[in-house]
Protein backbone atom coordinates (compact mmCIF):
# COMPACT_ATOMS: atom_id res chain seq x y z
CA MET A 1 -13.82 4.37 8.18
CA ASP A 2 -12.25 1.02 8.83
CA LEU A 3 -8.84 1.02 7.10
CA ARG A 4 -7.14 -2.38 6.91
CA ARG A 5 -4.15 -4.10 5.31
CA LYS A 6 -4.03 -7.54 3.73
CA ARG A 7 -1.52 -9.52 1.73
CA ALA A 8 -2.38 -10.05 -1.96
CA TYR A 9 -1.75 -13.78 -1.62
CA ASP A 10 -4.35 -14.21 1.14
CA THR A 11 -7.90 -15.16 0.22
CA PRO A 12 -10.17 -12.10 -0.02
CA SER A 13 -12.82 -11.97 2.70
CA ASP A 14 -16.43 -10.95 2.22
CA GLY A 15 -16.05 -8.05 4.64
CA GLY A 16 -12.94 -6.64 2.95
CA GLY A 17 -14.81 -3.68 1.51
CA PHE A 18 -13.12 -1.56 -1.15
CA ARG A 19 -9.83 -3.28 -2.05
CA VAL A 20 -6.90 -1.11 -3.18
CA LEU A 21 -3.70 -2.64 -4.53
CA VAL A 22 -0.88 -0.35 -3.36
CA ASP A 23 2.07 -2.09 -5.07
CA ARG A 24 3.73 -0.68 -8.17
CA LEU A 25 3.94 -4.19 -9.66
CA TRP A 26 1.09 -6.67 -9.91
CA PRO A 27 1.62 -9.57 -7.45
CA ARG A 28 3.23 -12.48 -9.24
CA GLY A 29 0.92 -15.46 -9.74
CA VAL A 30 -2.25 -13.69 -8.59
CA SER A 31 -4.96 -13.44 -11.23
CA LYS A 32 -7.12 -10.35 -11.48
CA GLU A 33 -10.18 -12.48 -10.82
CA ARG A 34 -8.71 -13.96 -7.64
CA ALA A 35 -7.41 -10.63 -6.35
CA HIS A 36 -10.78 -8.81 -6.39
CA ILE A 37 -9.05 -5.43 -6.71
CA ASP A 38 -11.31 -2.38 -6.99
CA LEU A 39 -8.51 0.16 -7.53
CA TRP A 40 -4.82 -0.11 -8.37
CA ALA A 41 -3.04 2.87 -6.77
CA LYS A 42 0.46 2.12 -8.05
CA GLU A 43 1.38 5.82 -8.01
CA THR A 44 1.37 5.70 -4.19
CA ALA A 45 3.91 2.86 -4.01
CA PRO A 46 7.59 3.50 -3.23
CA SER A 47 9.69 4.65 -6.16
CA PRO A 48 11.55 1.91 -8.03
CA GLU A 49 14.84 3.24 -6.61
CA LEU A 50 13.60 3.09 -3.02
CA ARG A 51 12.08 -0.36 -3.55
CA ARG A 52 15.37 -1.72 -4.91
CA ALA A 53 17.32 -0.17 -2.02
CA TRP A 54 14.89 -1.72 0.51
CA HIS A 55 15.21 -5.18 -1.03
CA ALA A 56 19.01 -4.92 -1.06
CA ALA A 57 19.24 -3.66 2.54
CA SER A 58 19.66 -5.68 5.69
CA ASP A 59 16.68 -6.58 7.86
CA ASP A 60 17.41 -3.77 10.33
CA ALA A 61 16.98 -1.04 7.68
CA TRP A 62 13.21 -0.75 8.24
CA GLY A 63 13.41 2.65 9.96
CA GLU A 64 15.46 4.19 7.17
CA PHE A 65 13.13 2.79 4.50
CA ALA A 66 10.03 4.05 6.34
CA ASP A 67 11.53 7.54 6.72
CA ARG A 68 12.50 7.73 3.05
CA TYR A 69 9.07 6.49 1.97
CA ARG A 70 7.33 9.06 4.22
CA ALA A 71 9.40 11.73 2.49
CA GLU A 72 8.29 10.44 -0.91
CA LEU A 73 4.66 10.45 0.24
CA THR A 74 4.85 14.09 1.34
CA HIS A 75 6.78 15.34 -1.68
CA GLU A 76 6.94 13.24 -4.87
CA THR A 77 3.63 11.40 -4.54
CA ALA A 78 1.61 13.82 -2.37
CA ASP A 79 -0.95 14.40 -5.15
CA ALA A 80 -1.45 10.66 -5.67
CA VAL A 81 -1.89 10.08 -1.92
CA ALA A 82 -4.41 12.93 -1.71
CA ALA A 83 -6.30 11.50 -4.71
CA LEU A 84 -6.36 8.07 -3.06
CA ALA A 85 -7.65 9.57 0.19
CA ALA A 86 -10.42 11.32 -1.73
CA GLU A 87 -11.29 8.09 -3.56
CA ILE A 88 -11.57 5.96 -0.43
CA ARG A 89 -13.26 8.57 1.76
CA GLY A 90 -16.77 7.41 0.81
CA HIS A 91 -16.20 3.76 1.70
CA SER A 92 -16.89 2.35 5.15
CA VAL A 93 -14.27 -0.43 4.83
CA VAL A 94 -11.07 -0.10 2.79
CA THR A 95 -8.37 -2.77 2.56
CA LEU A 96 -4.88 -1.87 1.32
CA ILE A 97 -3.54 -4.86 -0.59
CA TYR A 98 0.23 -5.48 -0.74
CA GLY A 99 2.49 -8.32 -1.84
CA ALA A 100 5.26 -8.21 0.79
CA ARG A 101 5.75 -11.19 3.09
CA ASP A 102 6.18 -9.28 6.33
CA PRO A 103 2.86 -7.84 7.56
CA GLU A 104 4.49 -5.27 9.87
CA HIS A 105 7.47 -4.12 7.79
CA ASN A 106 6.17 -3.10 4.39
CA HIS A 107 5.20 0.08 2.60
CA ALA A 108 1.45 -0.44 3.18
CA VAL A 109 2.03 0.19 6.90
CA VAL A 110 3.55 3.61 6.14
CA LEU A 111 0.92 4.41 3.50
CA GLU A 112 -1.85 3.54 5.95
CA GLU A 113 -0.39 6.03 8.45
CA ALA A 114 -0.29 8.74 5.77
CA LEU A 115 -3.88 8.05 4.72
CA ARG A 116 -5.13 8.10 8.30
CA ALA A 117 -3.55 11.54 8.72
CA LEU A 118 -5.45 12.79 5.66
CA LEU A 119 -8.75 11.22 6.60
């Protein structure tokens, strides 16, 4: 399986496969028609408390956020992550869609790691 990440504000590509929105909130200003989302897996997103702490933290807090989110993925949202892995298993190309600006420091990076471990 080809597992990818793409920002919600980028234009969907024809080869994007099965598109999964992994944010708890719908991306502001993006219509459902434009987004081409096949599944909204908001249960796998960071908790509201963790998301608020990440947005309030300094730029060098990435490691702490990633560790706390990994803990959430293995405890609080383990069932949702397992369900998502089962859902995407039959697709040859899956794109995780996120709204964050930074392509390397966002929760989709951590979620992708967790999904790869399950697949």
